[in-house]
C-alpha cells in the first residue's frame, strides 16, 4: 500500500504545474532498442507521464536502427534508453538537451564529451547508491559485521564507495581483485574464509550469466549470504537484492525530463530514487536467518533516507 501511495504522489507531480507554454508545440525524441522489453516498459511509462505533464508535446520513439541527424533534428529534448542509445546519440553530436536513462554508472562516466555549445545532459543511472546498499544490510542483517567485495580493477569506484560506506558503519571489509575468470574462485575463497555478506556489483567481468551460479554456490557453501542487484539474483539464489524496476526508472526519467523541458538546472547524475527489495525465503531458511519482510525493510530504508514510506 505504501508503494502504491508513493507512485500516486509521483503521478500528482505530473498532473499539475505549468507546461512549457500554453500553445507551444515541442517534440521529444525517445531513442531506444524497440526489441528490448525493459526499454519498451520504460517508454510506455514515459509516454503516459509526458503526455499528461506536457500535453502540447509530441513524444516520438526512435529505434536504434532509425537514429540519424534528421530524426533528431527538430527535437527540443532527447531521451536515450540504454547504453547503446546513449552512445549512438552522442556520436551524432546533437546540441539539444539530453536525458540518458537505463544506463550503468560506468557507462555514464565513459560517455564522450559533447560539443561546447551543447545544452545540458542529465542521467538516471541504474546503480543503487553504496550508502543505500550498506544501510539495507544493517537493517536486514544487523548481527553481521563483515562484508566481502570483489573488483576487476584496484580502483573500481563501486567497490571503493562500498568499502568507504561499510567502514563508516564499523563493518569489516574483505576485498579481492579478480583479473581473469580463473581468479574468481580463489578470490571468493579468500574473502569468504569466514562467513561474510558478499555484495555483487554490476561488474560484468566478474558477475555475469556465466559466473553467477558458481558465485552463489560458493557463497552458500561458505554460509555467506549474497546481496544482488536484480530480481534475477534472488531467483538464482541470492538472499537479498536491491534494484529498481523499469516502471520505477520510467517514472523518475519522466520527472527529470519534464524539469529538463522546462529549462530547470538539475544534477548531472541521479541514482534511482525508487527501489524494490527482493528476498529469497528458502535461502534465508537454509542459512538460519530471520528477516523482516521486503515491504518492512523498504519502509525502514526510506525512513532512514529521510523519505516517507
Protein backbone atom coordinates (compact mmCIF):
# COMPACT_ATOMS: atom_id res chain seq x y z
CA UNK A 1 0.00 0.00 0.00
CA UNK A 2 2.85 2.39 0.87
CA UNK A 3 4.46 1.80 -2.52
CA UNK A 4 1.18 2.49 -4.31
CA UNK A 5 0.80 5.78 -2.43
CA UNK A 6 4.36 6.71 -3.32
CA UNK A 7 3.73 6.14 -7.01
CA UNK A 8 0.44 8.07 -6.75
CA UNK A 9 2.33 11.05 -5.36
CA UNK A 10 4.69 10.84 -8.32
CA UNK A 11 1.72 10.93 -10.70
CA UNK A 12 0.39 14.03 -8.92
CA UNK A 13 3.65 15.75 -9.78
CA UNK A 14 2.86 15.34 -13.46
CA UNK A 15 -0.78 16.33 -13.06
CA UNK A 16 -0.05 19.92 -12.07
CA UNK A 17 2.48 22.63 -12.71
CA UNK A 18 2.91 24.88 -15.68
CA UNK A 19 3.73 23.32 -19.02
CA UNK A 20 6.40 24.77 -21.28
CA UNK A 21 3.88 27.14 -22.88
CA UNK A 22 0.15 27.09 -23.28
CA UNK A 23 0.22 26.88 -27.08
CA UNK A 24 3.81 25.92 -27.83
CA UNK A 25 4.41 22.63 -29.60
CA UNK A 26 7.54 20.74 -28.75
CA UNK A 27 8.91 17.39 -29.87
CA UNK A 28 10.56 14.92 -27.51
CA UNK A 29 12.58 12.12 -29.12
CA UNK A 30 12.99 8.86 -27.18
CA UNK A 31 15.83 6.72 -28.56
CA UNK A 32 15.59 3.05 -27.61
CA UNK A 33 16.02 -0.56 -28.67
CA UNK A 34 12.43 -1.41 -29.54
CA UNK A 35 13.12 -5.15 -29.19
CA UNK A 36 14.18 -4.80 -25.53
CA UNK A 37 11.28 -5.42 -23.13
CA UNK A 38 12.75 -3.18 -20.40
CA UNK A 39 13.13 -0.32 -22.88
CA UNK A 40 9.53 -0.82 -24.02
CA UNK A 41 8.25 -0.73 -20.43
CA UNK A 42 10.16 2.45 -19.63
CA UNK A 43 8.98 4.04 -22.88
CA UNK A 44 5.34 3.25 -22.08
CA UNK A 45 5.60 4.93 -18.68
CA UNK A 46 7.47 7.86 -20.21
CA UNK A 47 4.87 8.46 -22.89
CA UNK A 48 1.98 8.37 -20.42
CA UNK A 49 3.60 10.73 -17.92
CA UNK A 50 4.96 13.16 -20.52
CA UNK A 51 1.64 13.36 -22.35
CA UNK A 52 -0.02 14.23 -19.04
CA UNK A 53 2.56 16.79 -17.89
CA UNK A 54 3.31 18.33 -21.29
CA UNK A 55 0.11 17.98 -23.34
CA UNK A 56 1.46 20.27 -26.06
CA UNK A 57 4.43 17.96 -26.67
CA UNK A 58 4.69 15.10 -29.14
CA UNK A 59 6.65 12.09 -27.90
CA UNK A 60 8.30 10.12 -30.71
CA UNK A 61 10.02 6.79 -30.15
CA UNK A 62 13.01 6.20 -32.43
CA UNK A 63 14.51 2.73 -32.72
CA UNK A 64 18.29 2.44 -32.77
CA UNK A 65 18.14 1.35 -36.40
CA UNK A 66 16.50 4.63 -37.45
CA UNK A 67 18.53 7.13 -35.47
CA UNK A 68 20.24 9.83 -37.52
CA UNK A 69 20.63 13.60 -37.52
CA UNK A 70 17.36 14.04 -39.41
CA UNK A 71 15.24 12.02 -36.94
CA UNK A 72 16.66 14.03 -34.04
CA UNK A 73 16.93 17.39 -35.78
CA UNK A 74 13.79 19.19 -34.59
CA UNK A 75 13.52 17.56 -31.16
CA UNK A 76 13.59 20.00 -28.23
CA UNK A 77 14.61 17.22 -25.84
CA UNK A 78 16.25 13.85 -26.48
CA UNK A 79 15.82 10.92 -24.08
CA UNK A 80 18.02 7.86 -24.54
CA UNK A 81 17.27 4.46 -23.03
CA UNK A 82 20.19 2.08 -22.55
CA UNK A 83 23.92 2.26 -23.21
CA UNK A 84 23.77 1.77 -26.98
CA UNK A 85 21.20 4.52 -27.40
CA UNK A 86 23.31 6.92 -25.34
CA UNK A 87 26.49 6.22 -27.28
CA UNK A 88 24.89 6.28 -30.74
CA UNK A 89 23.06 9.50 -29.99
CA UNK A 90 26.24 11.23 -28.85
CA UNK A 91 28.05 10.06 -31.99
CA UNK A 92 25.69 12.35 -33.93
CA UNK A 93 26.78 15.30 -31.75
CA UNK A 94 23.31 16.80 -31.19
CA UNK A 95 23.19 20.17 -29.43
CA UNK A 96 19.81 19.68 -27.73
CA UNK A 97 19.33 18.87 -24.08
CA UNK A 98 19.65 15.14 -23.43
CA UNK A 99 18.40 12.88 -20.65
CA UNK A 100 20.11 9.49 -20.51
CA UNK A 101 18.40 6.65 -18.65
CA UNK A 102 18.70 2.90 -18.05
CA UNK A 103 22.50 3.04 -18.05
CA UNK A 104 25.04 1.81 -15.50
CA UNK A 105 27.17 4.43 -13.80
CA UNK A 106 30.24 3.00 -15.57
CA UNK A 107 28.63 3.76 -18.96
CA UNK A 108 27.68 7.27 -17.89
CA UNK A 109 31.24 8.00 -16.77
CA UNK A 110 32.63 6.78 -20.11
CA UNK A 111 30.27 8.78 -22.37
CA UNK A 112 32.14 11.05 -24.81
CA UNK A 113 32.24 14.77 -24.23
CA UNK A 114 29.66 16.87 -26.07
CA UNK A 115 30.37 19.93 -28.25
CA UNK A 116 31.00 23.08 -26.18
CA UNK A 117 27.84 24.80 -27.43
CA UNK A 118 25.56 21.92 -26.41
CA UNK A 119 22.74 22.13 -23.89
CA UNK A 120 22.99 20.26 -20.59
CA UNK A 121 22.96 16.49 -20.20
CA UNK A 122 21.41 14.61 -17.29
CA UNK A 123 21.44 10.91 -16.46
CA UNK A 124 19.42 8.43 -14.41
CA UNK A 125 21.78 5.54 -13.64
CA UNK A 126 20.83 2.04 -12.58
CA UNK A 127 23.39 1.64 -9.78
CA UNK A 128 21.95 1.80 -6.29
CA UNK A 129 23.89 4.19 -4.01
CA UNK A 130 26.51 2.49 -1.87
CA UNK A 131 25.00 4.15 1.20
CA UNK A 132 21.64 2.55 0.44
CA UNK A 133 23.14 -0.92 -0.01
CA UNK A 134 25.05 -0.81 3.26
CA UNK A 135 22.06 0.66 5.09
CA UNK A 136 19.92 -2.22 3.83
CA UNK A 137 22.42 -4.77 5.14
CA UNK A 138 22.48 -3.11 8.55
CA UNK A 139 18.67 -3.22 8.66
CA UNK A 140 18.26 -6.75 7.32
CA UNK A 141 21.26 -8.42 8.98
CA UNK A 142 22.23 -6.28 11.99
CA UNK A 143 24.29 -9.06 13.58
CA UNK A 144 26.57 -9.46 10.56
CA UNK A 145 29.70 -7.33 10.84
CA UNK A 146 31.68 -8.44 7.78
CA UNK A 147 31.19 -7.82 4.06
CA UNK A 148 33.06 -9.22 1.06
CA UNK A 149 33.80 -7.30 -2.14
CA UNK A 150 35.28 -8.30 -5.49
CA UNK A 151 36.57 -5.90 -8.14
CA UNK A 152 38.10 -6.38 -11.58
CA UNK A 153 40.36 -3.36 -11.03
CA UNK A 154 42.06 -1.93 -7.97
CA UNK A 155 40.30 1.42 -8.39
CA UNK A 156 36.75 0.31 -9.20
CA UNK A 157 34.67 3.24 -7.87
CA UNK A 158 31.75 0.95 -6.98
CA UNK A 159 33.94 -1.17 -4.72
CA UNK A 160 35.69 1.86 -3.22
CA UNK A 161 32.37 3.54 -2.41
CA UNK A 162 31.01 0.38 -0.79
CA UNK A 163 34.20 -0.03 1.23
CA UNK A 164 34.02 3.57 2.44
CA UNK A 165 30.36 3.27 3.46
CA UNK A 166 30.93 -0.08 5.16
CA UNK A 167 33.86 1.17 7.22
CA UNK A 168 31.84 4.24 8.20
CA UNK A 169 29.29 1.79 9.62
CA UNK A 170 32.09 -0.01 11.50
CA UNK A 171 31.93 -3.09 9.30
CA UNK A 172 34.92 -5.26 8.49
CA UNK A 173 35.67 -5.36 4.75
CA UNK A 174 37.34 -8.25 2.94
CA UNK A 175 38.30 -7.39 -0.62
CA UNK A 176 39.97 -9.16 -3.55
CA UNK A 177 40.77 -8.33 -7.14
CA UNK A 178 39.69 -10.64 -9.97
CA UNK A 179 41.79 -10.18 -13.10
CA UNK A 180 40.56 -13.21 -15.06
CA UNK A 181 37.78 -15.76 -14.67
CA UNK A 182 40.35 -18.23 -13.32
CA UNK A 183 40.97 -15.84 -10.43
CA UNK A 184 37.32 -15.84 -9.38
CA UNK A 185 37.14 -19.00 -7.26
CA UNK A 186 40.40 -18.35 -5.33
CA UNK A 187 39.27 -14.75 -4.73
CA UNK A 188 35.92 -15.94 -3.38
CA UNK A 189 37.67 -18.39 -1.07
CA UNK A 190 39.86 -15.59 0.30
CA UNK A 191 37.09 -13.09 1.01
CA UNK A 192 34.75 -15.78 2.37
CA UNK A 193 37.30 -17.61 4.52
CA UNK A 194 34.97 -16.54 7.32
CA UNK A 195 31.25 -16.04 6.65
CA UNK A 196 30.57 -12.58 5.22
CA UNK A 197 27.90 -10.81 3.20
CA UNK A 198 29.04 -10.86 -0.43
CA UNK A 199 27.88 -7.77 -2.33
CA UNK A 200 27.57 -8.39 -6.06
CA UNK A 201 28.23 -5.31 -8.20
CA UNK A 202 27.33 -4.63 -11.86
CA UNK A 203 30.89 -5.53 -12.90
CA UNK A 204 30.26 -7.80 -15.89
CA UNK A 205 33.83 -9.09 -15.83
CA UNK A 206 33.03 -10.79 -12.51
CA UNK A 207 29.27 -11.06 -12.11
CA UNK A 208 27.70 -12.28 -15.34
CA UNK A 209 25.45 -15.04 -16.64
CA UNK A 210 28.41 -17.43 -16.94
CA UNK A 211 29.65 -16.98 -13.37
CA UNK A 212 26.56 -16.22 -11.30
CA UNK A 213 25.73 -19.82 -10.40
CA UNK A 214 29.29 -20.59 -9.29
CA UNK A 215 29.42 -17.38 -7.25
CA UNK A 216 26.13 -18.12 -5.49
CA UNK A 217 27.01 -21.77 -4.88
CA UNK A 218 30.43 -20.91 -3.45
CA UNK A 219 28.91 -18.29 -1.17
CA UNK A 220 26.23 -20.72 0.00
CA UNK A 221 28.80 -23.41 0.77
CA UNK A 222 30.67 -20.84 2.85
CA UNK A 223 27.45 -19.95 4.71
CA UNK A 224 27.64 -16.43 3.30
CA UNK A 225 24.55 -14.53 2.11
CA UNK A 226 24.68 -12.55 -1.14
CA UNK A 227 23.22 -9.12 -1.89
CA UNK A 228 22.42 -8.93 -5.62
CA UNK A 229 21.45 -6.04 -7.88
CA UNK A 230 18.46 -7.52 -9.72
CA UNK A 231 15.38 -9.64 -9.15
CA UNK A 232 17.09 -12.37 -11.18
CA UNK A 233 19.74 -12.68 -8.46
CA UNK A 234 17.12 -13.53 -5.85
CA UNK A 235 15.56 -16.11 -8.16
CA UNK A 236 19.01 -17.61 -8.76
CA UNK A 237 19.81 -17.95 -5.05
CA UNK A 238 20.92 -14.62 -3.57
CA UNK A 239 19.48 -13.90 -0.14
CA UNK A 240 18.69 -10.27 -0.97
CA UNK A 241 18.50 -7.96 -3.94
CA UNK A 242 18.19 -4.19 -4.13
CA UNK A 243 17.09 -2.92 -7.53
CA UNK A 244 14.77 -0.60 -9.43
CA UNK A 245 12.13 -1.84 -11.86
CA UNK A 246 11.75 -0.44 -15.40
CA UNK A 247 8.48 1.21 -14.34
CA UNK A 248 10.23 2.97 -11.44
CA UNK A 249 13.06 4.12 -13.69
CA UNK A 250 10.45 5.30 -16.20
CA UNK A 251 8.71 7.46 -13.59
CA UNK A 252 11.96 9.03 -12.45
CA UNK A 253 13.09 9.62 -16.03
CA UNK A 254 9.77 11.29 -16.85
CA UNK A 255 10.08 13.58 -13.83
CA UNK A 256 13.61 14.53 -14.87
CA UNK A 257 12.55 15.03 -18.50
CA UNK A 258 9.68 17.35 -17.53
CA UNK A 259 12.02 19.51 -15.48
CA UNK A 260 14.61 19.48 -18.25
CA UNK A 261 11.97 20.53 -20.80
CA UNK A 262 11.08 23.45 -18.53
CA UNK A 263 14.71 24.54 -18.51
CA UNK A 264 15.45 23.68 -14.89
CA UNK A 265 19.00 23.12 -13.68
CA UNK A 266 19.41 19.55 -12.44
CA UNK A 267 22.16 17.29 -11.08
CA UNK A 268 24.20 15.76 -13.90
CA UNK A 269 23.71 12.25 -12.48
CA UNK A 270 20.86 10.86 -10.40
CA UNK A 271 20.82 7.41 -8.76
CA UNK A 272 17.48 5.57 -8.62
CA UNK A 273 15.01 7.33 -6.35
CA UNK A 274 12.58 4.38 -6.21
CA UNK A 275 13.60 0.81 -5.47
CA UNK A 276 12.47 -2.71 -4.68
CA UNK A 277 13.86 -5.25 -2.24
CA UNK A 278 13.75 -8.94 -3.04
CA UNK A 279 14.20 -11.77 -0.52
CA UNK A 280 14.76 -15.46 -1.18
CA UNK A 281 12.95 -17.02 1.77
CA UNK A 282 14.29 -20.50 1.00
CA UNK A 283 17.89 -19.32 1.18
CA UNK A 284 17.11 -17.42 4.39
CA UNK A 285 15.66 -20.58 5.90
CA UNK A 286 18.64 -22.68 4.80
CA UNK A 287 21.08 -20.19 6.33
CA UNK A 288 19.04 -19.96 9.53
CA UNK A 289 18.30 -16.26 9.06
CA UNK A 290 15.15 -14.44 10.16
CA UNK A 291 14.48 -11.38 8.05
CA UNK A 292 11.77 -8.74 8.12
CA UNK A 293 9.52 -8.63 5.08
CA UNK A 294 10.68 -6.86 1.93
CA UNK A 295 7.99 -4.23 2.46
CA UNK A 296 9.09 -3.57 6.05
CA UNK A 297 12.74 -3.29 5.02
CA UNK A 298 11.88 -0.91 2.16
CA UNK A 299 9.85 1.30 4.51
CA UNK A 300 12.66 1.37 7.08
CA UNK A 301 15.22 2.14 4.39
CA UNK A 302 13.19 5.04 3.02
CA UNK A 303 12.72 6.39 6.52
CA UNK A 304 16.47 6.22 7.07
CA UNK A 305 16.94 8.21 3.86
CA UNK A 306 14.56 10.84 5.20
CA UNK A 307 11.66 9.95 2.92
CA UNK A 308 8.13 8.97 3.78
CA UNK A 309 7.33 5.30 3.03
